[in-house]
Amino acid sequence: MTLRVDRKDISYIHYIMEGYDGLGIVSTDDPLLGRLTVAYPECRGGDMSDLIAAFRKEGVIKEVIGI
């Protein structure tokens, strides 16, 4: 999936994702636009959806493309 976040939140997303061992891998596609790609195992889809919902509630994620 692709996420769009504020530039200032890129490291925060990376940090939180790293804290969940095996949940997913975050790659920064375009730091100027705040575009990230998140790859995760299909078996962790529910956990990833919960985390994305929490990020959205915080206002960290501006847009999600392709869940």
PDB file of N, CA and C in Angstrom:
ATOM      1  N   MET A   1       0.842  -1.160   0.000  1.00  0.00           N
ATOM      2  CA  MET A   1       0.000   0.000   0.000  1.00  0.00           C
ATOM      3  C   MET A   1       0.893   1.230   0.000  1.00  0.00           C
ATOM      4  N   THR A   2       0.358   2.328  -0.463  1.00  0.00           N
ATOM      5  CA  THR A   2       1.071   3.597  -0.474  1.00  0.00           C
ATOM      6  C   THR A   2       0.375   4.566   0.477  1.00  0.00           C
ATOM      7  N   LEU A   3       1.177   5.281   1.244  1.00  0.00           N
ATOM      8  CA  LEU A   3       0.660   6.271   2.184  1.00  0.00           C
ATOM      9  C   LEU A   3       1.194   7.641   1.821  1.00  0.00           C
ATOM     10  N   ARG A   4       0.389   8.662   2.075  1.00  0.00           N
ATOM     11  CA  ARG A   4       0.878  10.033   1.957  1.00  0.00           C
ATOM     12  C   ARG A   4       0.775  10.657   3.332  1.00  0.00           C
ATOM     13  N   VAL A   5       1.915  11.171   3.804  1.00  0.00           N
ATOM     14  CA  VAL A   5       2.008  11.767   5.137  1.00  0.00           C
ATOM     15  C   VAL A   5       2.736  13.103   5.028  1.00  0.00           C
ATOM     16  N   ASP A   6       2.681  13.889   6.093  1.00  0.00           N
ATOM     17  CA  ASP A   6       3.510  15.088   6.141  1.00  0.00           C
ATOM     18  C   ASP A   6       4.973  14.657   6.250  1.00  0.00           C
ATOM     19  N   ARG A   7       5.852  15.426   5.662  1.00  0.00           N
ATOM     20  CA  ARG A   7       7.279  15.099   5.694  1.00  0.00           C
ATOM     21  C   ARG A   7       7.781  14.890   7.115  1.00  0.00           C
ATOM     22  N   LYS A   8       7.299  15.700   8.027  1.00  0.00           N
ATOM     23  CA  LYS A   8       7.763  15.621   9.419  1.00  0.00           C
ATOM     24  C   LYS A   8       7.374  14.307  10.091  1.00  0.00           C
ATOM     25  N   ASP A   9       6.403  13.571   9.533  1.00  0.00           N
ATOM     26  CA  ASP A   9       5.926  12.335  10.140  1.00  0.00           C
ATOM     27  C   ASP A   9       6.555  11.072   9.552  1.00  0.00           C
ATOM     28  N   ILE A  10       7.422  11.213   8.570  1.00  0.00           N
ATOM     29  CA  ILE A  10       8.029  10.037   7.933  1.00  0.00           C
ATOM     30  C   ILE A  10       8.811   9.203   8.943  1.00  0.00           C
ATOM     31  N   SER A  11       9.664   9.826   9.728  1.00  0.00           N
ATOM     32  CA  SER A  11      10.458   9.057  10.692  1.00  0.00           C
ATOM     33  C   SER A  11       9.582   8.440  11.777  1.00  0.00           C
ATOM     34  N   TYR A  12       8.517   9.134  12.164  1.00  0.00           N
ATOM     35  CA  TYR A  12       7.580   8.605  13.153  1.00  0.00           C
ATOM     36  C   TYR A  12       6.948   7.306  12.657  1.00  0.00           C
ATOM     37  N   ILE A  13       6.485   7.296  11.409  1.00  0.00           N
ATOM     38  CA  ILE A  13       5.881   6.097  10.814  1.00  0.00           C
ATOM     39  C   ILE A  13       6.899   4.955  10.815  1.00  0.00           C
ATOM     40  N   HIS A  14       8.128   5.250  10.356  1.00  0.00           N
ATOM     41  CA  HIS A  14       9.178   4.227  10.339  1.00  0.00           C
ATOM     42  C   HIS A  14       9.408   3.674  11.753  1.00  0.00           C
ATOM     43  N   TYR A  15       9.519   4.547  12.721  1.00  0.00           N
ATOM     44  CA  TYR A  15       9.799   4.153  14.099  1.00  0.00           C
ATOM     45  C   TYR A  15       8.708   3.241  14.663  1.00  0.00           C
ATOM     46  N   ILE A  16       7.459   3.616  14.483  1.00  0.00           N
ATOM     47  CA  ILE A  16       6.343   2.820  14.995  1.00  0.00           C
ATOM     48  C   ILE A  16       6.278   1.472  14.294  1.00  0.00           C
ATOM     49  N   MET A  17       6.431   1.455  12.980  1.00  0.00           N
ATOM     50  CA  MET A  17       6.379   0.191  12.230  1.00  0.00           C
ATOM     51  C   MET A  17       7.500  -0.750  12.661  1.00  0.00           C
ATOM     52  N   GLU A  18       8.686  -0.218  12.912  1.00  0.00           N
ATOM     53  CA  GLU A  18       9.801  -1.058  13.364  1.00  0.00           C
ATOM     54  C   GLU A  18       9.504  -1.671  14.727  1.00  0.00           C
ATOM     55  N   GLY A  19       8.707  -1.004  15.534  1.00  0.00           N
ATOM     56  CA  GLY A  19       8.360  -1.510  16.849  1.00  0.00           C
ATOM     57  C   GLY A  19       7.452  -2.735  16.817  1.00  0.00           C
ATOM     58  N   TYR A  20       6.773  -2.944  15.713  1.00  0.00           N
ATOM     59  CA  TYR A  20       5.910  -4.105  15.533  1.00  0.00           C
ATOM     60  C   TYR A  20       6.662  -5.128  14.694  1.00  0.00           C
ATOM     61  N   ASP A  21       7.446  -5.983  15.333  1.00  0.00           N
ATOM     62  CA  ASP A  21       8.259  -6.969  14.616  1.00  0.00           C
ATOM     63  C   ASP A  21       7.411  -7.795  13.659  1.00  0.00           C
ATOM     64  N   GLY A  22       7.823  -7.814  12.411  1.00  0.00           N
ATOM     65  CA  GLY A  22       7.169  -8.636  11.412  1.00  0.00           C
ATOM     66  C   GLY A  22       5.880  -8.074  10.854  1.00  0.00           C
ATOM     67  N   LEU A  23       5.478  -6.891  11.302  1.00  0.00           N
ATOM     68  CA  LEU A  23       4.216  -6.338  10.796  1.00  0.00           C
ATOM     69  C   LEU A  23       4.357  -5.883   9.355  1.00  0.00           C
ATOM     70  N   GLY A  24       5.395  -5.139   9.057  1.00  0.00           N
ATOM     71  CA  GLY A  24       5.578  -4.654   7.700  1.00  0.00           C
ATOM     72  C   GLY A  24       6.893  -3.925   7.528  1.00  0.00           C
ATOM     73  N   ILE A  25       7.174  -3.589   6.290  1.00  0.00           N
ATOM     74  CA  ILE A  25       8.387  -2.868   5.923  1.00  0.00           C
ATOM     75  C   ILE A  25       7.971  -1.560   5.276  1.00  0.00           C
ATOM     76  N   VAL A  26       8.555  -0.455   5.735  1.00  0.00           N
ATOM     77  CA  VAL A  26       8.235   0.869   5.207  1.00  0.00           C
ATOM     78  C   VAL A  26       9.405   1.359   4.358  1.00  0.00           C
ATOM     79  N   SER A  27       9.101   1.803   3.156  1.00  0.00           N
ATOM     80  CA  SER A  27      10.093   2.407   2.269  1.00  0.00           C
ATOM     81  C   SER A  27       9.623   3.810   1.919  1.00  0.00           C
ATOM     82  N   THR A  28      10.540   4.757   1.943  1.00  0.00           N
ATOM     83  CA  THR A  28      10.213   6.129   1.556  1.00  0.00           C
ATOM     84  C   THR A  28      10.406   6.264   0.056  1.00  0.00           C
ATOM     85  N   ASP A  29       9.327   6.491  -0.666  1.00  0.00           N
ATOM     86  CA  ASP A  29       9.385   6.648  -2.121  1.00  0.00           C
ATOM     87  C   ASP A  29       9.774   8.068  -2.509  1.00  0.00           C
ATOM     88  N   ASP A  30       9.164   9.054  -1.861  1.00  0.00           N
ATOM     89  CA  ASP A  30       9.429  10.451  -2.172  1.00  0.00           C
ATOM     90  C   ASP A  30       9.338  11.266  -0.886  1.00  0.00           C
ATOM     91  N   PRO A  31      10.485  11.603  -0.287  1.00  0.00           N
ATOM     92  CA  PRO A  31      10.454  12.323   0.981  1.00  0.00           C
ATOM     93  C   PRO A  31       9.872  13.732   0.877  1.00  0.00           C
ATOM     94  N   LEU A  32      10.006  14.355  -0.265  1.00  0.00           N
ATOM     95  CA  LEU A  32       9.465  15.706  -0.434  1.00  0.00           C
ATOM     96  C   LEU A  32       7.943  15.711  -0.448  1.00  0.00           C
ATOM     97  N   LEU A  33       7.364  14.673  -1.012  1.00  0.00           N
ATOM     98  CA  LEU A  33       5.901  14.566  -1.072  1.00  0.00           C
ATOM     99  C   LEU A  33       5.334  13.758   0.092  1.00  0.00           C
ATOM    100  N   GLY A  34       6.207  13.161   0.911  1.00  0.00           N
ATOM    101  CA  GLY A  34       5.742  12.344   2.027  1.00  0.00           C
ATOM    102  C   GLY A  34       5.071  11.069   1.576  1.00  0.00           C
ATOM    103  N   ARG A  35       5.598  10.460   0.511  1.00  0.00           N
ATOM    104  CA  ARG A  35       5.000   9.244  -0.031  1.00  0.00           C
ATOM    105  C   ARG A  35       5.792   8.024   0.438  1.00  0.00           C
ATOM    106  N   LEU A  36       5.098   7.089   1.108  1.00  0.00           N
ATOM    107  CA  LEU A  36       5.697   5.881   1.648  1.00  0.00           C
ATOM    108  C   LEU A  36       5.023   4.661   1.054  1.00  0.00           C
ATOM    109  N   THR A  37       5.776   3.585   0.915  1.00  0.00           N
ATOM    110  CA  THR A  37       5.212   2.293   0.543  1.00  0.00           C
ATOM    111  C   THR A  37       5.364   1.364   1.728  1.00  0.00           C
ATOM    112  N   VAL A  38       4.291   0.664   2.052  1.00  0.00           N
ATOM    113  CA  VAL A  38       4.306  -0.301   3.149  1.00  0.00           C
ATOM    114  C   VAL A  38       3.999  -1.676   2.574  1.00  0.00           C
ATOM    115  N   ALA A  39       4.914  -2.617   2.810  1.00  0.00           N
ATOM    116  CA  ALA A  39       4.701  -4.007   2.403  1.00  0.00           C
ATOM    117  C   ALA A  39       4.517  -4.828   3.670  1.00  0.00           C
ATOM    118  N   TYR A  40       3.550  -5.731   3.647  1.00  0.00           N
ATOM    119  CA  TYR A  40       3.271  -6.538   4.834  1.00  0.00           C
ATOM    120  C   TYR A  40       2.715  -7.889   4.403  1.00  0.00           C
ATOM    121  N   PRO A  41       2.917  -8.916   5.244  1.00  0.00           N
ATOM    122  CA  PRO A  41       2.375 -10.236   4.926  1.00  0.00           C
ATOM    123  C   PRO A  41       0.847 -10.221   4.998  1.00  0.00           C
ATOM    124  N   GLU A  42       0.239 -10.973   4.146  1.00  0.00           N
ATOM    125  CA  GLU A  42      -1.225 -11.034   4.098  1.00  0.00           C
ATOM    126  C   GLU A  42      -1.817 -11.430   5.449  1.00  0.00           C
ATOM    127  N   CYS A  43      -1.120 -12.285   6.179  1.00  0.00           N
ATOM    128  CA  CYS A  43      -1.634 -12.747   7.471  1.00  0.00           C
ATOM    129  C   CYS A  43      -1.656 -11.641   8.527  1.00  0.00           C
ATOM    130  N   ARG A  44      -0.977 -10.527   8.286  1.00  0.00           N
ATOM    131  CA  ARG A  44      -0.958  -9.405   9.230  1.00  0.00           C
ATOM    132  C   ARG A  44      -1.841  -8.247   8.758  1.00  0.00           C
ATOM    133  N   GLY A  45      -2.685  -8.502   7.773  1.00  0.00           N
ATOM    134  CA  GLY A  45      -3.550  -7.461   7.217  1.00  0.00           C
ATOM    135  C   GLY A  45      -4.457  -6.799   8.234  1.00  0.00           C
ATOM    136  N   GLY A  46      -5.027  -7.573   9.146  1.00  0.00           N
ATOM    137  CA  GLY A  46      -5.911  -7.011  10.173  1.00  0.00           C
ATOM    138  C   GLY A  46      -5.159  -6.083  11.109  1.00  0.00           C
ATOM    139  N   ASP A  47      -3.965  -6.520  11.522  1.00  0.00           N
ATOM    140  CA  ASP A  47      -3.142  -5.680  12.396  1.00  0.00           C
ATOM    141  C   ASP A  47      -2.740  -4.390  11.687  1.00  0.00           C
ATOM    142  N   MET A  48      -2.392  -4.520  10.410  1.00  0.00           N
ATOM    143  CA  MET A  48      -1.992  -3.336   9.640  1.00  0.00           C
ATOM    144  C   MET A  48      -3.170  -2.378   9.502  1.00  0.00           C
ATOM    145  N   SER A  49      -4.348  -2.893   9.254  1.00  0.00           N
ATOM    146  CA  SER A  49      -5.536  -2.037   9.146  1.00  0.00           C
ATOM    147  C   SER A  49      -5.797  -1.286  10.446  1.00  0.00           C
ATOM    148  N   ASP A  50      -5.616  -1.987  11.576  1.00  0.00           N
ATOM    149  CA  ASP A  50      -5.800  -1.345  12.879  1.00  0.00           C
ATOM    150  C   ASP A  50      -4.780  -0.223  13.089  1.00  0.00           C
ATOM    151  N   LEU A  51      -3.531  -0.472  12.721  1.00  0.00           N
ATOM    152  CA  LEU A  51      -2.490   0.535  12.887  1.00  0.00           C
ATOM    153  C   LEU A  51      -2.736   1.736  11.968  1.00  0.00           C
ATOM    154  N   ILE A  52      -3.133   1.484  10.742  1.00  0.00           N
ATOM    155  CA  ILE A  52      -3.436   2.573   9.799  1.00  0.00           C
ATOM    156  C   ILE A  52      -4.600   3.407  10.341  1.00  0.00           C
ATOM    157  N   ALA A  53      -5.616   2.740  10.885  1.00  0.00           N
ATOM    158  CA  ALA A  53      -6.756   3.473  11.462  1.00  0.00           C
ATOM    159  C   ALA A  53      -6.296   4.354  12.622  1.00  0.00           C
ATOM    160  N   ALA A  54      -5.383   3.851  13.442  1.00  0.00           N
ATOM    161  CA  ALA A  54      -4.870   4.643  14.561  1.00  0.00           C
ATOM    162  C   ALA A  54      -4.072   5.850  14.054  1.00  0.00           C
ATOM    163  N   PHE A  55      -3.248   5.639  13.028  1.00  0.00           N
ATOM    164  CA  PHE A  55      -2.500   6.749  12.426  1.00  0.00           C
ATOM    165  C   PHE A  55      -3.451   7.800  11.848  1.00  0.00           C
ATOM    166  N   ARG A  56      -4.503   7.339  11.212  1.00  0.00           N
ATOM    167  CA  ARG A  56      -5.485   8.283  10.643  1.00  0.00           C
ATOM    168  C   ARG A  56      -6.172   9.087  11.738  1.00  0.00           C
ATOM    169  N   LYS A  57      -6.515   8.418  12.824  1.00  0.00           N
ATOM    170  CA  LYS A  57      -7.169   9.092  13.945  1.00  0.00           C
ATOM    171  C   LYS A  57      -6.262  10.172  14.529  1.00  0.00           C
ATOM    172  N   GLU A  58      -4.945   9.894  14.551  1.00  0.00           N
ATOM    173  CA  GLU A  58      -3.956  10.873  15.028  1.00  0.00           C
ATOM    174  C   GLU A  58      -3.760  12.021  14.044  1.00  0.00           C
ATOM    175  N   GLY A  59      -4.182  11.801  12.791  1.00  0.00           N
ATOM    176  CA  GLY A  59      -3.976  12.812  11.764  1.00  0.00           C
ATOM    177  C   GLY A  59      -2.629  12.708  11.086  1.00  0.00           C
ATOM    178  N   VAL A  60      -1.936  11.586  11.296  1.00  0.00           N
ATOM    179  CA  VAL A  60      -0.611  11.393  10.711  1.00  0.00           C
ATOM    180  C   VAL A  60      -0.700  11.046   9.235  1.00  0.00           C
ATOM    181  N   ILE A  61      -1.638  10.179   8.876  1.00  0.00           N
ATOM    182  CA  ILE A  61      -1.785   9.762   7.480  1.00  0.00           C
ATOM    183  C   ILE A  61      -2.799  10.657   6.796  1.00  0.00           C
ATOM    184  N   LYS A  62      -2.397  11.204   5.662  1.00  0.00           N
ATOM    185  CA  LYS A  62      -3.263  12.083   4.887  1.00  0.00           C
ATOM    186  C   LYS A  62      -4.050  11.314   3.836  1.00  0.00           C
ATOM    187  N   GLU A  63      -3.436  10.238   3.302  1.00  0.00           N
ATOM    188  CA  GLU A  63      -4.089   9.481   2.234  1.00  0.00           C
ATOM    189  C   GLU A  63      -3.526   8.066   2.229  1.00  0.00           C
ATOM    190  N   VAL A  64      -4.397   7.093   1.970  1.00  0.00           N
ATOM    191  CA  VAL A  64      -4.000   5.692   1.821  1.00  0.00           C
ATOM    192  C   VAL A  64      -4.422   5.236   0.434  1.00  0.00           C
ATOM    193  N   ILE A  65      -3.488   4.635  -0.276  1.00  0.00           N
ATOM    194  CA  ILE A  65      -3.776   4.147  -1.622  1.00  0.00           C
ATOM    195  C   ILE A  65      -3.495   2.641  -1.634  1.00  0.00           C
ATOM    196  N   GLY A  66      -4.502   1.853  -1.930  1.00  0.00           N
ATOM    197  CA  GLY A  66      -4.338   0.422  -2.119  1.00  0.00           C
ATOM    198  C   GLY A  66      -4.165  -0.418  -0.877  1.00  0.00           C
ATOM    199  N   ILE A  67      -5.138  -0.421   0.015  1.00  0.00           N
ATOM    200  CA  ILE A  67      -5.090  -1.373   1.135  1.00  0.00           C
ATOM    201  C   ILE A  67      -5.493  -2.718   0.615  1.00  0.00           C
TER     202      ILE A  67
END
